[in-house]
Every structure is written in structure tokens, then in C-alpha cells.
C-alpha atoms as a PDB file:
ATOM      1  CA  UNK A   1     115.279 173.187  87.419  1.00  0.00           C
ATOM      2  CA  UNK A   2     118.726 171.593  87.253  1.00  0.00           C
ATOM      3  CA  UNK A   3     118.682 167.814  86.907  1.00  0.00           C
ATOM      4  CA  UNK A   4     120.900 166.810  89.869  1.00  0.00           C
ATOM      5  CA  UNK A   5     120.890 163.146  88.865  1.00  0.00           C
ATOM      6  CA  UNK A   6     122.439 164.130  85.562  1.00  0.00           C
ATOM      7  CA  UNK A   7     125.028 166.265  87.356  1.00  0.00           C
ATOM      8  CA  UNK A   8     126.018 163.258  89.469  1.00  0.00           C
ATOM      9  CA  UNK A   9     126.269 160.959  86.458  1.00  0.00           C
ATOM     10  CA  UNK A  10     129.544 159.526  85.205  1.00  0.00           C
ATOM     11  CA  UNK A  11     129.097 161.381  81.911  1.00  0.00           C
ATOM     12  CA  UNK A  12     128.850 164.736  83.659  1.00  0.00           C
ATOM     13  CA  UNK A  13     131.883 164.039  85.804  1.00  0.00           C
ATOM     14  CA  UNK A  14     134.200 163.012  82.952  1.00  0.00           C
ATOM     15  CA  UNK A  15     133.123 166.032  80.888  1.00  0.00           C
ATOM     16  CA  UNK A  16     133.630 168.333  83.861  1.00  0.00           C
ATOM     17  CA  UNK A  17     137.114 166.912  84.393  1.00  0.00           C
ATOM     18  CA  UNK A  18     138.034 167.774  80.806  1.00  0.00           C
ATOM     19  CA  UNK A  19     136.192 171.060  80.196  1.00  0.00           C
ATOM     20  CA  UNK A  20     135.587 172.522  83.638  1.00  0.00           C
ATOM     21  CA  UNK A  21     132.104 173.986  83.731  1.00  0.00           C
ATOM     22  CA  UNK A  22     129.409 171.863  82.067  1.00  0.00           C
ATOM     23  CA  UNK A  23     125.802 172.836  81.382  1.00  0.00           C
ATOM     24  CA  UNK A  24     123.099 170.168  81.489  1.00  0.00           C
ATOM     25  CA  UNK A  25     120.558 170.249  78.667  1.00  0.00           C
ATOM     26  CA  UNK A  26     117.407 168.216  78.043  1.00  0.00           C
ATOM     27  CA  UNK A  27     117.575 164.508  77.148  1.00  0.00           C
ATOM     28  CA  UNK A  28     121.182 163.258  77.083  1.00  0.00           C
ATOM     29  CA  UNK A  29     122.774 166.506  75.989  1.00  0.00           C
ATOM     30  CA  UNK A  30     125.531 168.492  77.688  1.00  0.00           C
ATOM     31  CA  UNK A  31     127.050 171.846  76.709  1.00  0.00           C
ATOM     32  CA  UNK A  32     130.605 173.101  77.149  1.00  0.00           C
ATOM     33  CA  UNK A  33     132.665 175.977  75.796  1.00  0.00           C
ATOM     34  CA  UNK A  34     134.109 174.910  72.463  1.00  0.00           C
ATOM     35  CA  UNK A  35     137.915 174.525  72.548  1.00  0.00           C
ATOM     36  CA  UNK A  36     138.164 175.046  68.779  1.00  0.00           C
ATOM     37  CA  UNK A  37     136.248 178.333  68.372  1.00  0.00           C
ATOM     38  CA  UNK A  38     139.291 180.514  69.028  1.00  0.00           C
ATOM     39  CA  UNK A  39     141.330 178.870  66.245  1.00  0.00           C
ATOM     40  CA  UNK A  40     138.446 178.220  63.816  1.00  0.00           C
ATOM     41  CA  UNK A  41     136.339 181.360  64.328  1.00  0.00           C
ATOM     42  CA  UNK A  42     138.995 183.661  65.865  1.00  0.00           C
ATOM     43  CA  UNK A  43     136.867 184.301  68.916  1.00  0.00           C
ATOM     44  CA  UNK A  44     136.836 182.435  72.213  1.00  0.00           C
ATOM     45  CA  UNK A  45     133.605 180.619  73.058  1.00  0.00           C
ATOM     46  CA  UNK A  46     132.132 181.743  76.381  1.00  0.00           C
ATOM     47  CA  UNK A  47     128.522 180.760  75.630  1.00  0.00           C
ATOM     48  CA  UNK A  48     128.790 176.954  75.774  1.00  0.00           C
ATOM     49  CA  UNK A  49     128.194 176.389  72.073  1.00  0.00           C
ATOM     50  CA  UNK A  50     129.640 172.842  71.931  1.00  0.00           C
ATOM     51  CA  UNK A  51     126.802 170.323  72.391  1.00  0.00           C
ATOM     52  CA  UNK A  52     127.854 166.796  73.399  1.00  0.00           C
ATOM     53  CA  UNK A  53     125.905 163.548  73.566  1.00  0.00           C
ATOM     54  CA  UNK A  54     128.228 161.061  75.293  1.00  0.00           C
ATOM     55  CA  UNK A  55     125.752 158.174  74.971  1.00  0.00           C
ATOM     56  CA  UNK A  56     125.470 157.738  71.220  1.00  0.00           C
ATOM     57  CA  UNK A  57     127.594 155.159  69.464  1.00  0.00           C
ATOM     58  CA  UNK A  58     128.432 155.371  65.755  1.00  0.00           C
ATOM     59  CA  UNK A  59     128.259 152.457  63.336  1.00  0.00           C
ATOM     60  CA  UNK A  60     132.008 151.908  63.640  1.00  0.00           C
ATOM     61  CA  UNK A  61     131.874 151.883  67.432  1.00  0.00           C
ATOM     62  CA  UNK A  62     132.943 155.440  68.288  1.00  0.00           C
ATOM     63  CA  UNK A  63     131.297 156.562  71.512  1.00  0.00           C
ATOM     64  CA  UNK A  64     129.864 160.062  71.785  1.00  0.00           C
ATOM     65  CA  UNK A  65     129.054 162.768  69.238  1.00  0.00           C
ATOM     66  CA  UNK A  66     129.370 166.546  69.340  1.00  0.00           C
ATOM     67  CA  UNK A  67     128.619 169.686  67.351  1.00  0.00           C
ATOM     68  CA  UNK A  68     129.563 173.320  67.877  1.00  0.00           C
ATOM     69  CA  UNK A  69     126.796 175.629  66.677  1.00  0.00           C
ATOM     70  CA  UNK A  70     129.267 178.484  66.342  1.00  0.00           C
ATOM     71  CA  UNK A  71     132.327 177.219  64.469  1.00  0.00           C
ATOM     72  CA  UNK A  72     130.774 173.968  63.123  1.00  0.00           C
ATOM     73  CA  UNK A  73     133.336 171.749  64.863  1.00  0.00           C
ATOM     74  CA  UNK A  74     131.694 168.330  64.907  1.00  0.00           C
ATOM     75  CA  UNK A  75     132.539 164.657  65.001  1.00  0.00           C
ATOM     76  CA  UNK A  76     132.428 161.311  66.749  1.00  0.00           C
ATOM     77  CA  UNK A  77     134.461 159.800  69.572  1.00  0.00           C
ATOM     78  CA  UNK A  78     134.941 161.224  73.039  1.00  0.00           C
ATOM     79  CA  UNK A  79     138.586 160.199  72.892  1.00  0.00           C
ATOM     80  CA  UNK A  80     139.022 162.634  69.993  1.00  0.00           C
ATOM     81  CA  UNK A  81     137.857 165.398  72.345  1.00  0.00           C
ATOM     82  CA  UNK A  82     140.370 164.184  74.922  1.00  0.00           C
ATOM     83  CA  UNK A  83     137.637 162.845  77.212  1.00  0.00           C
ATOM     84  CA  UNK A  84     138.736 159.706  79.077  1.00  0.00           C
ATOM     85  CA  UNK A  85     136.375 157.325  80.882  1.00  0.00           C
ATOM     86  CA  UNK A  86     137.430 155.226  83.847  1.00  0.00           C
ATOM     87  CA  UNK A  87     136.235 152.002  82.242  1.00  0.00           C
ATOM     88  CA  UNK A  88     134.618 150.680  79.082  1.00  0.00           C
ATOM     89  CA  UNK A  89     131.255 150.575  80.824  1.00  0.00           C
ATOM     90  CA  UNK A  90     131.549 153.983  82.494  1.00  0.00           C
ATOM     91  CA  UNK A  91     129.250 155.622  79.973  1.00  0.00           C
ATOM     92  CA  UNK A  92     126.035 153.771  79.107  1.00  0.00           C
ATOM     93  CA  UNK A  93     125.080 153.152  75.512  1.00  0.00           C
ATOM     94  CA  UNK A  94     122.022 154.608  73.788  1.00  0.00           C
ATOM     95  CA  UNK A  95     119.808 151.817  75.139  1.00  0.00           C
ATOM     96  CA  UNK A  96     121.137 152.318  78.681  1.00  0.00           C
ATOM     97  CA  UNK A  97     120.843 156.105  78.734  1.00  0.00           C
ATOM     98  CA  UNK A  98     119.124 157.772  81.722  1.00  0.00           C
ATOM     99  CA  UNK A  99     115.487 156.756  82.085  1.00  0.00           C
ATOM    100  CA  UNK A 100     112.844 159.109  80.753  1.00  0.00           C
ATOM    101  CA  UNK A 101     115.194 160.868  78.353  1.00  0.00           C
ATOM    102  CA  UNK A 102     115.707 160.680  74.611  1.00  0.00           C
ATOM    103  CA  UNK A 103     119.049 160.583  72.898  1.00  0.00           C
ATOM    104  CA  UNK A 104     120.351 163.779  71.364  1.00  0.00           C
ATOM    105  CA  UNK A 105     119.805 164.113  67.643  1.00  0.00           C
ATOM    106  CA  UNK A 106     122.540 166.585  66.734  1.00  0.00           C
ATOM    107  CA  UNK A 107     123.041 165.199  63.264  1.00  0.00           C
ATOM    108  CA  UNK A 108     120.850 162.187  62.798  1.00  0.00           C
ATOM    109  CA  UNK A 109     117.169 162.465  62.095  1.00  0.00           C
ATOM    110  CA  UNK A 110     115.752 159.860  59.695  1.00  0.00           C
ATOM    111  CA  UNK A 111     118.270 159.332  56.960  1.00  0.00           C
ATOM    112  CA  UNK A 112     119.166 156.869  54.242  1.00  0.00           C
ATOM    113  CA  UNK A 113     122.761 156.298  53.297  1.00  0.00           C
ATOM    114  CA  UNK A 114     124.106 155.100  49.985  1.00  0.00           C
ATOM    115  CA  UNK A 115     127.472 153.429  49.682  1.00  0.00           C
ATOM    116  CA  UNK A 116     129.612 154.541  46.768  1.00  0.00           C
ATOM    117  CA  UNK A 117     132.300 152.482  45.058  1.00  0.00           C
ATOM    118  CA  UNK A 118     134.916 154.742  46.654  1.00  0.00           C
ATOM    119  CA  UNK A 119     133.654 153.927  50.133  1.00  0.00           C
ATOM    120  CA  UNK A 120     133.771 150.204  49.453  1.00  0.00           C
ATOM    121  CA  UNK A 121     137.460 150.598  48.751  1.00  0.00           C
ATOM    122  CA  UNK A 122     137.906 152.581  51.955  1.00  0.00           C
ATOM    123  CA  UNK A 123     138.007 156.006  50.286  1.00  0.00           C
ATOM    124  CA  UNK A 124     135.555 158.878  50.030  1.00  0.00           C
ATOM    125  CA  UNK A 125     132.611 159.457  52.332  1.00  0.00           C
ATOM    126  CA  UNK A 126     128.993 158.451  52.694  1.00  0.00           C
ATOM    127  CA  UNK A 127     126.558 160.092  50.321  1.00  0.00           C
ATOM    128  CA  UNK A 128     123.496 161.127  52.231  1.00  0.00           C
ATOM    129  CA  UNK A 129     119.986 161.360  50.910  1.00  0.00           C
ATOM    130  CA  UNK A 130     118.646 164.541  52.472  1.00  0.00           C
ATOM    131  CA  UNK A 131     115.010 164.817  53.457  1.00  0.00           C
ATOM    132  CA  UNK A 132     113.154 167.712  55.012  1.00  0.00           C
ATOM    133  CA  UNK A 133     111.799 167.190  58.551  1.00  0.00           C
ATOM    134  CA  UNK A 134     108.723 164.978  58.568  1.00  0.00           C
ATOM    135  CA  UNK A 135     106.622 167.820  60.027  1.00  0.00           C
ATOM    136  CA  UNK A 136     107.788 170.409  57.462  1.00  0.00           C
ATOM    137  CA  UNK A 137     104.955 172.558  56.087  1.00  0.00           C
ATOM    138  CA  UNK A 138     104.417 175.686  54.021  1.00  0.00           C
ATOM    139  CA  UNK A 139     100.768 175.975  55.063  1.00  0.00           C
ATOM    140  CA  UNK A 140     101.367 179.015  57.234  1.00  0.00           C
ATOM    141  CA  UNK A 141      97.734 179.566  58.192  1.00  0.00           C
ATOM    142  CA  UNK A 142      97.174 175.957  59.263  1.00  0.00           C
ATOM    143  CA  UNK A 143      98.294 176.476  62.874  1.00  0.00           C
ATOM    144  CA  UNK A 144      99.154 179.102  65.466  1.00  0.00           C
ATOM    145  CA  UNK A 145     102.824 178.148  65.121  1.00  0.00           C
ATOM    146  CA  UNK A 146     102.674 178.613  61.357  1.00  0.00           C
ATOM    147  CA  UNK A 147     101.130 182.057  61.697  1.00  0.00           C
ATOM    148  CA  UNK A 148     103.704 183.034  64.341  1.00  0.00           C
ATOM    149  CA  UNK A 149     106.577 181.874  62.113  1.00  0.00           C
ATOM    150  CA  UNK A 150     105.159 183.743  59.130  1.00  0.00           C
ATOM    151  CA  UNK A 151     104.733 186.927  61.159  1.00  0.00           C
ATOM    152  CA  UNK A 152     108.325 186.631  62.361  1.00  0.00           C
ATOM    153  CA  UNK A 153     109.627 186.353  58.792  1.00  0.00           C
ATOM    154  CA  UNK A 154     107.561 189.215  57.427  1.00  0.00           C
ATOM    155  CA  UNK A 155     107.405 191.690  60.309  1.00  0.00           C
ATOM    156  CA  UNK A 156     110.666 191.093  62.169  1.00  0.00           C
ATOM    157  CA  UNK A 157     112.883 189.983  59.295  1.00  0.00           C
ATOM    158  CA  UNK A 158     111.262 191.975  56.518  1.00  0.00           C
ATOM    159  CA  UNK A 159     111.008 189.109  54.017  1.00  0.00           C
ATOM    160  CA  UNK A 160     108.544 189.473  51.186  1.00  0.00           C
ATOM    161  CA  UNK A 161     105.906 186.900  50.318  1.00  0.00           C
ATOM    162  CA  UNK A 162     107.694 186.182  47.038  1.00  0.00           C
ATOM    163  CA  UNK A 163     111.005 185.553  48.842  1.00  0.00           C
ATOM    164  CA  UNK A 164     109.370 183.091  51.233  1.00  0.00           C
ATOM    165  CA  UNK A 165     107.747 181.296  48.294  1.00  0.00           C
ATOM    166  CA  UNK A 166     110.773 181.376  45.965  1.00  0.00           C
ATOM    167  CA  UNK A 167     113.056 179.767  48.561  1.00  0.00           C
ATOM    168  CA  UNK A 168     110.384 177.283  49.694  1.00  0.00           C
ATOM    169  CA  UNK A 169     110.776 178.434  53.288  1.00  0.00           C
ATOM    170  CA  UNK A 170     108.563 176.510  55.701  1.00  0.00           C
ATOM    171  CA  UNK A 171     108.123 175.662  59.365  1.00  0.00           C
ATOM    172  CA  UNK A 172     107.470 172.858  61.824  1.00  0.00           C
ATOM    173  CA  UNK A 173     104.740 172.978  64.436  1.00  0.00           C
ATOM    174  CA  UNK A 174     105.554 169.590  65.984  1.00  0.00           C
ATOM    175  CA  UNK A 175     108.496 167.274  66.506  1.00  0.00           C
ATOM    176  CA  UNK A 176     112.151 168.061  67.140  1.00  0.00           C
ATOM    177  CA  UNK A 177     111.936 171.313  65.151  1.00  0.00           C
ATOM    178  CA  UNK A 178     108.660 172.577  66.643  1.00  0.00           C
ATOM    179  CA  UNK A 179     108.566 176.369  66.494  1.00  0.00           C
ATOM    180  CA  UNK A 180     111.391 176.464  63.968  1.00  0.00           C
ATOM    181  CA  UNK A 181     111.481 178.043  60.530  1.00  0.00           C
ATOM    182  CA  UNK A 182     113.005 175.640  58.006  1.00  0.00           C
ATOM    183  CA  UNK A 183     115.260 176.816  55.159  1.00  0.00           C
ATOM    184  CA  UNK A 184     115.704 174.153  52.458  1.00  0.00           C
ATOM    185  CA  UNK A 185     119.045 174.414  50.626  1.00  0.00           C
ATOM    186  CA  UNK A 186     119.311 173.181  47.062  1.00  0.00           C
ATOM    187  CA  UNK A 187     122.148 172.820  44.564  1.00  0.00           C
ATOM    188  CA  UNK A 188     122.314 174.328  41.072  1.00  0.00           C
ATOM    189  CA  UNK A 189     119.932 171.631  39.823  1.00  0.00           C
ATOM    190  CA  UNK A 190     117.423 172.442  42.592  1.00  0.00           C
ATOM    191  CA  UNK A 191     118.148 169.150  44.352  1.00  0.00           C
ATOM    192  CA  UNK A 192     117.772 169.295  48.131  1.00  0.00           C
ATOM    193  CA  UNK A 193     121.219 168.954  49.710  1.00  0.00           C
ATOM    194  CA  UNK A 194     120.737 170.402  53.199  1.00  0.00           C
ATOM    195  CA  UNK A 195     118.460 172.387  55.480  1.00  0.00           C
ATOM    196  CA  UNK A 196     118.847 174.753  58.421  1.00  0.00           C
ATOM    197  CA  UNK A 197     116.225 175.659  61.012  1.00  0.00           C
ATOM    198  CA  UNK A 198     115.823 178.677  63.250  1.00  0.00           C
ATOM    199  CA  UNK A 199     113.644 178.918  66.349  1.00  0.00           C
ATOM    200  CA  UNK A 200     111.333 181.924  66.524  1.00  0.00           C
ATOM    201  CA  UNK A 201     111.392 181.823  70.324  1.00  0.00           C
ATOM    202  CA  UNK A 202     115.141 181.999  70.916  1.00  0.00           C
ATOM    203  CA  UNK A 203     118.220 182.506  68.781  1.00  0.00           C
ATOM    204  CA  UNK A 204     118.772 178.800  68.196  1.00  0.00           C
ATOM    205  CA  UNK A 205     119.771 177.217  64.902  1.00  0.00           C
ATOM    206  CA  UNK A 206     119.760 173.499  64.104  1.00  0.00           C
ATOM    207  CA  UNK A 207     121.683 171.966  61.223  1.00  0.00           C
ATOM    208  CA  UNK A 208     120.553 169.210  58.938  1.00  0.00           C
ATOM    209  CA  UNK A 209     121.903 165.707  59.636  1.00  0.00           C
ATOM    210  CA  UNK A 210     125.189 165.056  57.872  1.00  0.00           C
ATOM    211  CA  UNK A 211     128.223 167.029  56.662  1.00  0.00           C
ATOM    212  CA  UNK A 212     127.902 170.609  55.425  1.00  0.00           C
ATOM    213  CA  UNK A 213     131.419 171.355  54.201  1.00  0.00           C
ATOM    214  CA  UNK A 214     130.121 171.510  50.610  1.00  0.00           C
ATOM    215  CA  UNK A 215     127.003 173.564  51.345  1.00  0.00           C
ATOM    216  CA  UNK A 216     126.235 177.173  50.440  1.00  0.00           C
ATOM    217  CA  UNK A 217     122.800 178.723  50.755  1.00  0.00           C
ATOM    218  CA  UNK A 218     121.624 180.122  47.401  1.00  0.00           C
ATOM    219  CA  UNK A 219     124.739 179.209  45.417  1.00  0.00           C
ATOM    220  CA  UNK A 220     123.723 179.043  41.737  1.00  0.00           C
ATOM    221  CA  UNK A 221     127.104 179.770  40.171  1.00  0.00           C
ATOM    222  CA  UNK A 222     126.267 183.473  39.945  1.00  0.00           C
ATOM    223  CA  UNK A 223     128.552 185.888  38.118  1.00  0.00           C
ATOM    224  CA  UNK A 224     128.459 188.155  41.182  1.00  0.00           C
ATOM    225  CA  UNK A 225     128.384 186.675  44.681  1.00  0.00           C
ATOM    226  CA  UNK A 226     128.004 188.531  47.962  1.00  0.00           C
ATOM    227  CA  UNK A 227     129.297 186.057  50.532  1.00  0.00           C
ATOM    228  CA  UNK A 228     127.581 186.313  53.929  1.00  0.00           C
ATOM    229  CA  UNK A 229     127.597 184.342  57.172  1.00  0.00           C
ATOM    230  CA  UNK A 230     123.949 183.494  57.657  1.00  0.00           C
ATOM    231  CA  UNK A 231     120.843 182.837  55.612  1.00  0.00           C
ATOM    232  CA  UNK A 232     118.999 185.972  56.734  1.00  0.00           C
ATOM    233  CA  UNK A 233     122.045 188.008  55.663  1.00  0.00           C
ATOM    234  CA  UNK A 234     121.990 186.401  52.202  1.00  0.00           C
ATOM    235  CA  UNK A 235     118.238 186.920  51.848  1.00  0.00           C
ATOM    236  CA  UNK A 236     118.635 190.594  52.760  1.00  0.00           C
ATOM    237  CA  UNK A 237     121.236 191.011  50.002  1.00  0.00           C
ATOM    238  CA  UNK A 238     118.996 189.385  47.382  1.00  0.00           C
ATOM    239  CA  UNK A 239     119.711 187.012  44.502  1.00  0.00           C
ATOM    240  CA  UNK A 240     123.477 187.634  44.746  1.00  0.00           C
ATOM    241  CA  UNK A 241     123.528 186.738  48.443  1.00  0.00           C
ATOM    242  CA  UNK A 242     125.218 183.405  49.196  1.00  0.00           C
ATOM    243  CA  UNK A 243     125.545 182.205  52.805  1.00  0.00           C
ATOM    244  CA  UNK A 244     128.566 180.319  54.133  1.00  0.00           C
ATOM    245  CA  UNK A 245     126.580 179.029  57.128  1.00  0.00           C
ATOM    246  CA  UNK A 246     129.379 180.264  59.357  1.00  0.00           C
ATOM    247  CA  UNK A 247     132.410 182.530  59.430  1.00  0.00           C
ATOM    248  CA  UNK A 248     134.873 180.119  57.853  1.00  0.00           C
ATOM    249  CA  UNK A 249     135.251 179.077  54.223  1.00  0.00           C
ATOM    250  CA  UNK A 250     135.424 175.291  54.462  1.00  0.00           C
ATOM    251  CA  UNK A 251     137.675 173.176  52.242  1.00  0.00           C
ATOM    252  CA  UNK A 252     134.891 171.873  49.999  1.00  0.00           C
ATOM    253  CA  UNK A 253     133.369 175.347  49.689  1.00  0.00           C
ATOM    254  CA  UNK A 254     136.771 176.693  48.704  1.00  0.00           C
ATOM    255  CA  UNK A 255     137.119 174.018  46.011  1.00  0.00           C
ATOM    256  CA  UNK A 256     133.705 174.876  44.596  1.00  0.00           C
ATOM    257  CA  UNK A 257     134.570 178.568  44.244  1.00  0.00           C
ATOM    258  CA  UNK A 258     138.077 177.792  43.039  1.00  0.00           C
ATOM    259  CA  UNK A 259     136.846 175.463  40.287  1.00  0.00           C
ATOM    260  CA  UNK A 260     134.012 177.727  39.199  1.00  0.00           C
ATOM    261  CA  UNK A 261     134.901 181.241  40.372  1.00  0.00           C
ATOM    262  CA  UNK A 262     132.468 184.144  40.034  1.00  0.00           C
ATOM    263  CA  UNK A 263     133.663 187.173  38.095  1.00  0.00           C
ATOM    264  CA  UNK A 264     132.838 189.453  41.039  1.00  0.00           C
ATOM    265  CA  UNK A 265     132.871 188.452  44.709  1.00  0.00           C
ATOM    266  CA  UNK A 266     132.180 190.606  47.758  1.00  0.00           C
ATOM    267  CA  UNK A 267     132.924 189.166  51.199  1.00  0.00           C
ATOM    268  CA  UNK A 268     130.314 190.633  53.543  1.00  0.00           C
ATOM    269  CA  UNK A 269     130.497 189.018  56.986  1.00  0.00           C
ATOM    270  CA  UNK A 270     129.299 190.312  60.348  1.00  0.00           C
ATOM    271  CA  UNK A 271     131.140 193.188  61.994  1.00  0.00           C
ATOM    272  CA  UNK A 272     132.918 190.901  64.480  1.00  0.00           C
ATOM    273  CA  UNK A 273     134.333 188.725  61.677  1.00  0.00           C
ATOM    274  CA  UNK A 274     136.539 191.233  59.872  1.00  0.00           C
ATOM    275  CA  UNK A 275     139.642 189.025  60.189  1.00  0.00           C
ATOM    276  CA  UNK A 276     137.706 186.070  58.810  1.00  0.00           C
ATOM    277  CA  UNK A 277     136.542 188.175  55.861  1.00  0.00           C
ATOM    278  CA  UNK A 278     140.136 189.119  55.070  1.00  0.00           C
ATOM    279  CA  UNK A 279     141.235 185.481  55.313  1.00  0.00           C
ATOM    280  CA  UNK A 280     138.522 184.375  52.878  1.00  0.00           C
ATOM    281  CA  UNK A 281     139.318 187.175  50.428  1.00  0.00           C
ATOM    282  CA  UNK A 282     143.030 186.355  50.488  1.00  0.00           C
ATOM    283  CA  UNK A 283     142.328 182.667  49.834  1.00  0.00           C
ATOM    284  CA  UNK A 284     140.206 183.470  46.797  1.00  0.00           C
ATOM    285  CA  UNK A 285     142.072 186.446  45.337  1.00  0.00           C
ATOM    286  CA  UNK A 286     144.089 184.249  42.948  1.00  0.00           C
ATOM    287  CA  UNK A 287     140.915 182.841  41.386  1.00  0.00           C
ATOM    288  CA  UNK A 288     138.395 185.700  41.382  1.00  0.00           C
ATOM    289  CA  UNK A 289     138.889 188.531  38.897  1.00  0.00           C
ATOM    290  CA  UNK A 290     137.309 191.237  41.069  1.00  0.00           C
ATOM    291  CA  UNK A 291     137.170 190.686  44.825  1.00  0.00           C
ATOM    292  CA  UNK A 292     136.049 193.143  47.504  1.00  0.00           C
ATOM    293  CA  UNK A 293     135.396 193.303  51.247  1.00  0.00           C
ATOM    294  CA  UNK A 294     132.398 195.037  52.806  1.00  0.00           C
ATOM    295  CA  UNK A 295     131.707 195.575  56.501  1.00  0.00           C
ATOM    296  CA  UNK A 296     128.431 196.423  58.271  1.00  0.00           C
ATOM    297  CA  UNK A 297     128.244 198.866  61.198  1.00  0.00           C
ATOM    298  CA  UNK A 298     129.475 197.423  64.491  1.00  0.00           C
ATOM    299  CA  UNK A 299     126.004 197.320  66.011  1.00  0.00           C
ATOM    300  CA  UNK A 300     124.265 195.520  63.112  1.00  0.00           C
ATOM    301  CA  UNK A 301     124.529 192.341  61.064  1.00  0.00           C
ATOM    302  CA  UNK A 302     123.832 192.484  57.297  1.00  0.00           C
ATOM    303  CA  UNK A 303     120.460 190.817  57.849  1.00  0.00           C
ATOM    304  CA  UNK A 304     119.333 193.701  60.076  1.00  0.00           C
ATOM    305  CA  UNK A 305     120.105 196.469  57.595  1.00  0.00           C
ATOM    306  CA  UNK A 306     117.611 198.225  55.351  1.00  0.00           C
ATOM    307  CA  UNK A 307     117.900 197.882  51.587  1.00  0.00           C
ATOM    308  CA  UNK A 308     119.249 201.432  51.325  1.00  0.00           C
ATOM    309  CA  UNK A 309     121.877 200.746  54.009  1.00  0.00           C
ATOM    310  CA  UNK A 310     122.912 197.527  52.272  1.00  0.00           C
ATOM    311  CA  UNK A 311     123.293 199.268  48.927  1.00  0.00           C
ATOM    312  CA  UNK A 312     125.421 202.038  50.441  1.00  0.00           C
ATOM    313  CA  UNK A 313     127.733 199.575  52.199  1.00  0.00           C
ATOM    314  CA  UNK A 314     128.135 197.361  49.139  1.00  0.00           C
ATOM    315  CA  UNK A 315     128.866 200.390  46.955  1.00  0.00           C
ATOM    316  CA  UNK A 316     131.577 201.479  49.416  1.00  0.00           C
ATOM    317  CA  UNK A 317     133.216 198.020  49.553  1.00  0.00           C
ATOM    318  CA  UNK A 318     136.947 198.167  48.801  1.00  0.00           C
ATOM    319  CA  UNK A 319     138.857 196.059  46.328  1.00  0.00           C
ATOM    320  CA  UNK A 320     141.466 193.635  47.554  1.00  0.00           C
ATOM    321  CA  UNK A 321     143.348 194.004  44.286  1.00  0.00           C
END
């Protein structure tokens, strides 16, 4: 049922004025078509992937936060989005948000921030201590949700028991991530730096609180990297599979590969991201000795291919130089 009180709210009206059609979500969340997807992901958003919470206020006073779950466009400040309110009090703060609803937690679950010397001087960014969700578990048989998540991984995604164990994949049966599989992401020293969750009931992914411009899934400075979009794609490839967590090579990710380039790199994105694959390959061609591009069939993503199909496609990948 559509919440008509939310549709009549000031927040809804100012968002509608800027974006046109607005979808009302649970709690204080609204969804609109992302204006940045076409330039960032080379494909127009028609599925309302930009989630906005106009009620949250950041520590430095910026009102409103947003995150696009397609092109990873995120930030603070409704004015940055071009959303104008009629007065300073037009949008209520977190404490004044609509009764009976909770504030959207796009980025911010429980977190602890450390201030570096660079930040004290006004440079750099906050270093975030990443923690897994409080309800995270690897005891798959402990609940119906755990068994359902495990069955999804094994039967629908074809993951082996060893893969699930080696990557410390878990789930949540309660809380914000209830019904979600949780993928911890670690750095080369096995320190937790991020996590991503995926609902088993609908194709919904949630990102860990904080920035992800420096994050790869399964990056261990391998000699050969097969660069994919998503985690399931990387897991299907195997130990060489490294996920971008999107279609775009972010600035920090580029610096990581530039400073410590693999000897062999294959860009293997989804079929609808061929232009993005070419862009990534061209950016890295000056630093990687052997670089190739591979493309799955139009009707399948890499994560949905059999091992034999993956091997054939990777063998047929063409060299950029």
C-alpha cells in the first residue's frame, strides 16, 4: 500500500519537483532515477536506483544523503543534488522524521571513526573501522534463514563448500540485513575493509557503511587478474577473479592497479558493459604487460556460466595490445 502521508510530505514534493517521478520506500527513504548513471555507467537509469534519505544530517551540517546502487553515486547534501527547499525548516531533521518510521541507513550502521593527522590539517579523509553486521553468522544450520541462504549459494549459485568457507561468507537472519548473504572483503593482509550483502528474496544488494573507491573483492596482488563486475562473477572465475563492485574503475582502484600492476589482466564485465570494459582496458594498457578483454554471451552474466563456458570465453579473450 502506498503511504499517502509520505506522498503529501514536503520531502516528497521537493524531490518530485527536481526528479519528476518519485517512489516511496519504507522508513524515510525515497527512490528516483539516478541522473548520473548515463555518464558514469553509460546506461540511463529507468529503475529508480538512486535512494535518498532527505532527513539525515551529517556531522558538518549537510542535510540529506543518497546512494545509487547501480553506478555508486553517493554523497551528502540535497543542494548538491540540486534539490531546493522552501525554507530551512521545510525538511525535518532525523529526530523530527515521520512518526513510526526509522531513518534510512544507506551508509551508516554502527561505526567508529579515527581521525588521522591529515584530517586534522583539513586534508585526507576519515579512516573507518569496518565491522561486520552485528547479526552476521556462519552457522548455516542454526536457522531457517541460514539454511535458505546456504541452499541459494550451493544450488542456485553453484558455490562449493570450500569456497563458502574460504571467503568466510555468512548471512544475517535478523536486523537490517535479515535474509541477506554477507560477503566480507579483506585486503592483502586479511584485514576486513568492507562488506557487501545480497538478499536471497530479491535482487537487492547493500553496501557496507563508508567509501568503497579503494575496494576490490578478492584482490591479493595476483599475477593474473580477471576483473569482473560483481562478487558472484569473481567467485565463478576462481582465485584470479577480482570484483570491481560495479562497472567503473574508480580512481583509488586505478591507483592500486597502476602502482602494483598484474602481469596479466583480463577485463571480463557483463555483456551490457562492453564500452566500460574497453574504457578500463585503455586506462590500464600503459601499466599492464598483457591485457585482454573477454565478453560473456548477451543473455548471461559471468556468474551464471558453467566452468567449461568460462574457460572457453577466457581462452578466446582478445589482446588489447
